[in-house]
Amino acid sequence: MSTLQLIKGKQQEISLHEKIAQLIARLSEHNKKHCLELIMALEAEERVLFLNAFMMAVTTLPDTAAAAA
């Protein structure tokens, strides 16, 4: 009887939910549009939860108008 060997292949990519969560955790002016686009690709029920988290993260971003002045 032959033995089975595990062959290292491609690692499984992280899910869309995990990508969005990571972007929200590191939200900046540069990645917020991309993050919002990913959120809008979700189903409506899931979208609401991520939009709430996104909006909370946006409120903590520094105001660019104040920084430019």
Protein backbone atom coordinates (compact mmCIF):
# COMPACT_ATOMS: atom_id res chain seq x y z
CA MET A 1 0.00 0.00 0.00
CA SER A 2 1.41 3.40 -0.95
CA THR A 3 1.67 6.27 1.47
CA LEU A 4 0.05 9.61 0.88
CA GLN A 5 2.17 12.72 0.66
CA LEU A 6 0.96 16.24 1.10
CA ILE A 7 2.10 18.42 -1.74
CA LYS A 8 2.42 22.08 -1.04
CA GLY A 9 0.39 24.01 -3.55
CA LYS A 10 -1.21 27.36 -3.68
CA GLN A 11 -2.34 28.65 -0.35
CA GLN A 12 -6.00 29.37 -0.10
CA GLU A 13 -6.75 33.02 -0.65
CA ILE A 14 -8.43 34.93 2.15
CA SER A 15 -12.14 35.51 1.82
CA LEU A 16 -13.72 38.74 0.70
CA HIS A 17 -15.00 39.30 4.24
CA GLU A 18 -11.47 38.99 5.63
CA LYS A 19 -10.08 41.35 2.97
CA ILE A 20 -12.68 43.97 3.86
CA ALA A 21 -12.04 43.56 7.59
CA GLN A 22 -8.31 44.05 7.02
CA LEU A 23 -8.90 47.15 4.89
CA ILE A 24 -11.22 48.63 7.49
CA ALA A 25 -8.63 47.98 10.20
CA ARG A 26 -6.01 49.86 8.12
CA LEU A 27 -8.36 52.39 6.53
CA SER A 28 -6.75 55.47 5.00
CA GLU A 29 -7.65 58.09 2.43
CA HIS A 30 -5.83 55.99 -0.17
CA ASN A 31 -7.71 52.72 0.30
CA LYS A 32 -11.19 53.80 1.39
CA LYS A 33 -12.61 53.82 -2.16
CA HIS A 34 -11.35 50.29 -2.81
CA CYS A 35 -12.74 49.15 0.54
CA LEU A 36 -16.15 50.62 -0.27
CA GLU A 37 -16.15 48.93 -3.69
CA LEU A 38 -15.51 45.56 -2.04
CA ILE A 39 -18.28 46.17 0.48
CA MET A 40 -20.74 46.98 -2.30
CA ALA A 41 -19.97 43.59 -3.90
CA LEU A 42 -21.46 41.82 -0.87
CA GLU A 43 -25.03 40.65 -0.40
CA ALA A 44 -27.35 43.27 1.07
CA GLU A 45 -27.53 41.71 4.55
CA GLU A 46 -23.75 41.48 4.83
CA ARG A 47 -23.25 44.90 3.29
CA VAL A 48 -25.04 46.67 6.15
CA LEU A 49 -22.69 45.28 8.80
CA PHE A 50 -19.58 46.19 6.88
CA LEU A 51 -20.92 49.64 5.94
CA ASN A 52 -21.47 50.41 9.62
CA ALA A 53 -17.90 49.39 10.44
CA PHE A 54 -16.63 51.35 7.42
CA MET A 55 -18.45 54.52 8.47
CA MET A 56 -17.12 54.25 12.01
CA ALA A 57 -13.58 53.91 10.63
CA VAL A 58 -14.07 56.87 8.27
CA THR A 59 -15.07 59.11 11.17
CA THR A 60 -11.72 58.40 12.83
CA LEU A 61 -9.72 59.41 9.75
CA PRO A 62 -8.03 62.81 10.01
CA ASP A 63 -9.86 65.56 8.16
CA THR A 64 -7.91 66.21 4.95
CA ALA A 65 -9.27 69.73 4.61
CA ALA A 66 -7.97 70.63 8.06
CA ALA A 67 -4.63 68.97 7.35
CA ALA A 68 -4.23 70.93 4.10
CA ALA A 69 -4.91 74.28 5.79
